Amino acid sequence: MNPEWMRNQGQIISAARQRVLNSAAAVQNLYDQASQTFQRNMKMQAREVDNFSDVLLGQTYARTASGQTYVVPTGRGGTQWVDPLGVVKESAIVPGPAYTQLTPASR
């Protein structure tokens, strides 16, 4: 066997192996990007379905300053308040000393 021929064959095989590895990495990268895009789209569609369902059900998500979240009936656009028992009222002014203001929140 000719040592130079063996060395050349090794280089050819090494170069071909590297091209295959590069191609596989590129395909994996494309797959990962497509998968991430698909996941983002599915999450966005799920949020849209949830929001549409909320509209049909007449409910809104609201939160107190302390972070407590409530599902409340969709009001007429006025300020909503909640008492310690979870009773929600819509009023331009505080309905009473025990009420806490709610602010709109997302799911």
N, C-alpha and C. Protein backbone atom coordinates (compact mmCIF):
# COMPACT_ATOMS: atom_id res chain seq x y z
N MET A 1 0.83 -1.19 0.00
CA MET A 1 0.00 0.00 0.00
C MET A 1 0.88 1.25 0.00
N ASN A 2 0.40 2.21 -0.75
CA ASN A 2 1.11 3.48 -0.87
C ASN A 2 0.68 4.39 0.28
N PRO A 3 1.62 4.85 1.13
CA PRO A 3 1.25 5.69 2.27
C PRO A 3 0.59 7.00 1.85
N GLU A 4 1.02 7.57 0.75
CA GLU A 4 0.42 8.84 0.29
C GLU A 4 -1.03 8.62 -0.13
N TRP A 5 -1.29 7.50 -0.81
CA TRP A 5 -2.65 7.15 -1.22
C TRP A 5 -3.54 6.96 0.01
N MET A 6 -3.03 6.28 1.02
CA MET A 6 -3.77 6.05 2.26
C MET A 6 -4.09 7.38 2.94
N ARG A 7 -3.11 8.27 2.98
CA ARG A 7 -3.32 9.59 3.58
C ARG A 7 -4.40 10.36 2.81
N ASN A 8 -4.35 10.33 1.50
CA ASN A 8 -5.35 11.02 0.67
C ASN A 8 -6.74 10.42 0.89
N GLN A 9 -6.83 9.11 0.97
CA GLN A 9 -8.11 8.46 1.21
C GLN A 9 -8.67 8.86 2.58
N GLY A 10 -7.80 8.94 3.57
CA GLY A 10 -8.22 9.37 4.91
C GLY A 10 -8.77 10.79 4.90
N GLN A 11 -8.09 11.66 4.13
CA GLN A 11 -8.55 13.05 4.03
C GLN A 11 -9.89 13.13 3.30
N ILE A 12 -10.06 12.33 2.26
CA ILE A 12 -11.32 12.32 1.51
C ILE A 12 -12.45 11.83 2.42
N ILE A 13 -12.20 10.77 3.15
CA ILE A 13 -13.21 10.22 4.06
C ILE A 13 -13.53 11.21 5.16
N SER A 14 -12.51 11.86 5.71
CA SER A 14 -12.72 12.85 6.77
C SER A 14 -13.54 14.04 6.27
N ALA A 15 -13.24 14.51 5.06
CA ALA A 15 -13.98 15.64 4.49
C ALA A 15 -15.45 15.24 4.24
N ALA A 16 -15.66 14.04 3.72
CA ALA A 16 -17.03 13.57 3.46
C ALA A 16 -17.79 13.43 4.78
N ARG A 17 -17.13 12.91 5.80
CA ARG A 17 -17.77 12.77 7.11
C ARG A 17 -18.18 14.14 7.66
N GLN A 18 -17.29 15.13 7.50
CA GLN A 18 -17.59 16.47 8.00
C GLN A 18 -18.77 17.08 7.25
N ARG A 19 -18.86 16.85 5.93
CA ARG A 19 -19.99 17.36 5.16
C ARG A 19 -21.30 16.72 5.62
N VAL A 20 -21.25 15.43 5.90
CA VAL A 20 -22.46 14.74 6.39
C VAL A 20 -22.86 15.30 7.74
N LEU A 21 -21.89 15.51 8.65
CA LEU A 21 -22.19 16.07 9.96
C LEU A 21 -22.74 17.49 9.85
N ASN A 22 -22.17 18.30 8.96
CA ASN A 22 -22.67 19.67 8.75
C ASN A 22 -24.10 19.65 8.21
N SER A 23 -24.36 18.76 7.28
CA SER A 23 -25.72 18.66 6.72
C SER A 23 -26.71 18.22 7.80
N ALA A 24 -26.32 17.26 8.61
CA ALA A 24 -27.20 16.79 9.68
C ALA A 24 -27.47 17.91 10.68
N ALA A 25 -26.46 18.71 11.00
CA ALA A 25 -26.66 19.83 11.93
C ALA A 25 -27.59 20.87 11.33
N ALA A 26 -27.45 21.13 10.03
CA ALA A 26 -28.32 22.10 9.37
C ALA A 26 -29.77 21.61 9.37
N VAL A 27 -29.97 20.33 9.10
CA VAL A 27 -31.32 19.76 9.11
C VAL A 27 -31.90 19.84 10.52
N GLN A 28 -31.10 19.52 11.53
CA GLN A 28 -31.58 19.59 12.91
C GLN A 28 -31.95 21.02 13.28
N ASN A 29 -31.15 21.99 12.84
CA ASN A 29 -31.43 23.40 13.10
C ASN A 29 -32.77 23.81 12.47
N LEU A 30 -33.00 23.40 11.23
CA LEU A 30 -34.27 23.70 10.55
C LEU A 30 -35.43 23.05 11.29
N TYR A 31 -35.25 21.82 11.72
CA TYR A 31 -36.31 21.13 12.47
C TYR A 31 -36.60 21.87 13.77
N ASP A 32 -35.56 22.27 14.49
CA ASP A 32 -35.75 22.99 15.76
C ASP A 32 -36.50 24.31 15.54
N GLN A 33 -36.13 25.04 14.50
CA GLN A 33 -36.81 26.30 14.21
C GLN A 33 -38.28 26.06 13.87
N ALA A 34 -38.54 25.05 13.05
CA ALA A 34 -39.93 24.74 12.67
C ALA A 34 -40.73 24.32 13.90
N SER A 35 -40.12 23.55 14.77
CA SER A 35 -40.79 23.09 15.98
C SER A 35 -41.11 24.27 16.90
N GLN A 36 -40.16 25.18 17.06
CA GLN A 36 -40.39 26.35 17.90
C GLN A 36 -41.50 27.24 17.33
N THR A 37 -41.50 27.42 16.03
CA THR A 37 -42.54 28.22 15.38
C THR A 37 -43.90 27.56 15.58
N PHE A 38 -43.95 26.25 15.41
CA PHE A 38 -45.19 25.52 15.61
C PHE A 38 -45.69 25.69 17.05
N GLN A 39 -44.79 25.55 18.03
CA GLN A 39 -45.17 25.69 19.44
C GLN A 39 -45.71 27.09 19.72
N ARG A 40 -45.03 28.12 19.21
CA ARG A 40 -45.50 29.50 19.40
C ARG A 40 -46.89 29.69 18.79
N ASN A 41 -47.09 29.16 17.59
CA ASN A 41 -48.39 29.30 16.93
C ASN A 41 -49.48 28.58 17.70
N MET A 42 -49.19 27.41 18.24
CA MET A 42 -50.18 26.66 19.00
C MET A 42 -50.55 27.41 20.29
N LYS A 43 -49.56 27.99 20.96
CA LYS A 43 -49.83 28.76 22.17
C LYS A 43 -50.68 29.99 21.85
N MET A 44 -50.36 30.65 20.74
CA MET A 44 -51.12 31.83 20.34
C MET A 44 -52.56 31.45 20.02
N GLN A 45 -52.75 30.35 19.30
CA GLN A 45 -54.10 29.91 18.99
C GLN A 45 -54.87 29.53 20.25
N ALA A 46 -54.20 28.89 21.19
CA ALA A 46 -54.86 28.51 22.44
C ALA A 46 -55.31 29.75 23.20
N ARG A 47 -54.46 30.80 23.23
CA ARG A 47 -54.84 32.06 23.89
C ARG A 47 -56.05 32.69 23.18
N GLU A 48 -56.05 32.65 21.85
CA GLU A 48 -57.17 33.21 21.10
C GLU A 48 -58.47 32.46 21.41
N VAL A 49 -58.39 31.14 21.48
CA VAL A 49 -59.58 30.34 21.81
C VAL A 49 -60.05 30.67 23.22
N ASP A 50 -59.10 30.75 24.17
CA ASP A 50 -59.47 31.09 25.55
C ASP A 50 -60.12 32.47 25.61
N ASN A 51 -59.54 33.44 24.91
CA ASN A 51 -60.10 34.79 24.92
C ASN A 51 -61.51 34.80 24.29
N PHE A 52 -61.69 34.07 23.20
CA PHE A 52 -63.01 34.01 22.56
C PHE A 52 -64.01 33.35 23.49
N SER A 53 -63.59 32.27 24.17
CA SER A 53 -64.47 31.60 25.12
C SER A 53 -64.87 32.55 26.25
N ASP A 54 -63.90 33.34 26.72
CA ASP A 54 -64.20 34.31 27.78
C ASP A 54 -65.24 35.32 27.32
N VAL A 55 -65.14 35.76 26.08
CA VAL A 55 -66.12 36.71 25.54
C VAL A 55 -67.50 36.06 25.49
N LEU A 56 -67.55 34.83 25.00
CA LEU A 56 -68.84 34.13 24.91
C LEU A 56 -69.44 33.88 26.29
N LEU A 57 -68.59 33.59 27.27
CA LEU A 57 -69.06 33.32 28.63
C LEU A 57 -69.29 34.60 29.43
N GLY A 58 -68.85 35.74 28.89
CA GLY A 58 -69.03 37.00 29.60
C GLY A 58 -68.18 37.10 30.85
N GLN A 59 -66.95 36.60 30.75
CA GLN A 59 -66.07 36.66 31.92
C GLN A 59 -64.75 37.34 31.58
N THR A 60 -64.17 37.93 32.60
CA THR A 60 -62.92 38.66 32.48
C THR A 60 -62.01 38.24 33.63
N TYR A 61 -60.73 38.27 33.40
CA TYR A 61 -59.77 38.00 34.47
C TYR A 61 -59.34 39.34 35.06
N ALA A 62 -59.31 39.40 36.38
CA ALA A 62 -58.93 40.63 37.07
C ALA A 62 -58.04 40.25 38.26
N ARG A 63 -57.26 41.22 38.70
CA ARG A 63 -56.29 40.97 39.77
C ARG A 63 -56.31 42.12 40.77
N THR A 64 -56.11 41.79 42.03
CA THR A 64 -55.96 42.81 43.06
C THR A 64 -54.50 43.26 43.09
N ALA A 65 -54.23 44.34 43.82
CA ALA A 65 -52.86 44.84 43.93
C ALA A 65 -51.95 43.79 44.58
N SER A 66 -52.51 42.93 45.42
CA SER A 66 -51.70 41.89 46.08
C SER A 66 -51.44 40.68 45.18
N GLY A 67 -52.05 40.66 44.00
CA GLY A 67 -51.80 39.57 43.05
C GLY A 67 -52.86 38.49 43.01
N GLN A 68 -53.88 38.60 43.85
CA GLN A 68 -54.97 37.61 43.84
C GLN A 68 -55.76 37.77 42.54
N THR A 69 -55.96 36.66 41.82
CA THR A 69 -56.66 36.70 40.54
C THR A 69 -58.08 36.20 40.70
N TYR A 70 -58.99 36.86 39.99
CA TYR A 70 -60.41 36.51 40.01
C TYR A 70 -60.92 36.40 38.59
N VAL A 71 -61.89 35.51 38.38
CA VAL A 71 -62.64 35.46 37.13
C VAL A 71 -63.96 36.14 37.46
N VAL A 72 -64.20 37.28 36.82
CA VAL A 72 -65.36 38.10 37.16
C VAL A 72 -66.25 38.28 35.93
N PRO A 73 -67.52 38.57 36.14
CA PRO A 73 -68.38 38.86 34.99
C PRO A 73 -67.88 40.11 34.27
N THR A 74 -67.94 40.08 32.96
CA THR A 74 -67.53 41.24 32.19
C THR A 74 -68.50 42.37 32.49
N GLY A 75 -67.96 43.49 32.92
CA GLY A 75 -68.81 44.62 33.28
C GLY A 75 -69.09 45.54 32.11
N ARG A 76 -69.51 46.71 32.44
CA ARG A 76 -69.83 47.71 31.42
C ARG A 76 -68.69 48.71 31.24
N GLY A 77 -67.53 48.40 31.77
CA GLY A 77 -66.38 49.27 31.59
C GLY A 77 -66.03 50.08 32.81
N GLY A 78 -66.81 49.97 33.87
CA GLY A 78 -66.51 50.70 35.10
C GLY A 78 -65.49 49.97 35.95
N THR A 79 -65.09 50.61 37.02
CA THR A 79 -64.13 50.00 37.94
C THR A 79 -64.80 48.86 38.69
N GLN A 80 -64.10 47.75 38.81
CA GLN A 80 -64.63 46.61 39.54
C GLN A 80 -63.92 46.49 40.89
N TRP A 81 -64.69 46.07 41.88
CA TRP A 81 -64.20 45.96 43.25
C TRP A 81 -64.59 44.59 43.78
N VAL A 82 -63.80 44.05 44.73
CA VAL A 82 -64.11 42.76 45.33
C VAL A 82 -64.04 42.90 46.85
N ASP A 83 -64.98 42.24 47.53
CA ASP A 83 -64.95 42.27 49.00
C ASP A 83 -64.25 40.99 49.51
N PRO A 84 -64.00 40.86 50.80
CA PRO A 84 -63.29 39.70 51.34
C PRO A 84 -63.98 38.36 51.05
N LEU A 85 -65.28 38.37 50.77
CA LEU A 85 -66.00 37.14 50.45
C LEU A 85 -65.94 36.79 48.97
N GLY A 86 -65.33 37.66 48.16
CA GLY A 86 -65.21 37.42 46.73
C GLY A 86 -66.35 37.97 45.91
N VAL A 87 -67.20 38.79 46.53
CA VAL A 87 -68.31 39.41 45.81
C VAL A 87 -67.77 40.59 45.01
N VAL A 88 -68.04 40.58 43.72
CA VAL A 88 -67.54 41.63 42.83
C VAL A 88 -68.66 42.63 42.54
N LYS A 89 -68.30 43.91 42.63
CA LYS A 89 -69.24 44.98 42.28
C LYS A 89 -68.55 45.93 41.32
N GLU A 90 -69.36 46.52 40.46
CA GLU A 90 -68.85 47.53 39.53
C GLU A 90 -69.38 48.87 39.99
N SER A 91 -68.44 49.80 40.23
CA SER A 91 -68.84 51.10 40.76
C SER A 91 -67.77 52.13 40.44
N ALA A 92 -68.20 53.37 40.22
CA ALA A 92 -67.25 54.45 39.96
C ALA A 92 -66.50 54.84 41.23
N ILE A 93 -67.08 54.55 42.40
CA ILE A 93 -66.43 54.85 43.67
C ILE A 93 -66.35 53.58 44.51
N VAL A 94 -65.52 53.60 45.53
CA VAL A 94 -65.38 52.42 46.39
C VAL A 94 -66.72 52.12 47.05
N PRO A 95 -67.25 50.88 46.88
CA PRO A 95 -68.55 50.55 47.45
C PRO A 95 -68.55 50.44 48.98
N GLY A 96 -67.38 50.30 49.57
CA GLY A 96 -67.30 50.19 51.02
C GLY A 96 -65.86 50.00 51.44
N PRO A 97 -65.58 50.09 52.74
CA PRO A 97 -64.20 50.03 53.21
C PRO A 97 -63.53 48.68 53.01
N ALA A 98 -64.29 47.60 52.92
CA ALA A 98 -63.69 46.27 52.79
C ALA A 98 -63.36 45.92 51.34
N TYR A 99 -63.74 46.75 50.38
CA TYR A 99 -63.54 46.42 48.97
C TYR A 99 -62.14 46.78 48.49
N THR A 100 -61.64 45.94 47.60
CA THR A 100 -60.33 46.13 46.97
C THR A 100 -60.55 46.27 45.47
N GLN A 101 -59.85 47.20 44.87
CA GLN A 101 -60.02 47.43 43.43
C GLN A 101 -59.39 46.31 42.62
N LEU A 102 -60.08 45.94 41.55
CA LEU A 102 -59.58 44.94 40.60
C LEU A 102 -59.10 45.64 39.34
N THR A 103 -58.04 45.11 38.78
CA THR A 103 -57.56 45.63 37.50
C THR A 103 -57.57 44.48 36.50
N PRO A 104 -57.85 44.76 35.24
CA PRO A 104 -57.88 43.69 34.24
C PRO A 104 -56.54 42.97 34.19
N ALA A 105 -56.60 41.67 33.97
CA ALA A 105 -55.39 40.85 33.90
C ALA A 105 -55.55 39.81 32.79
N SER A 106 -54.46 39.31 32.32
CA SER A 106 -54.52 38.22 31.36
C SER A 106 -54.42 36.90 32.11
N ARG A 107 -54.76 35.84 31.43
CA ARG A 107 -54.73 34.51 32.06
C ARG A 107 -53.38 34.18 32.61
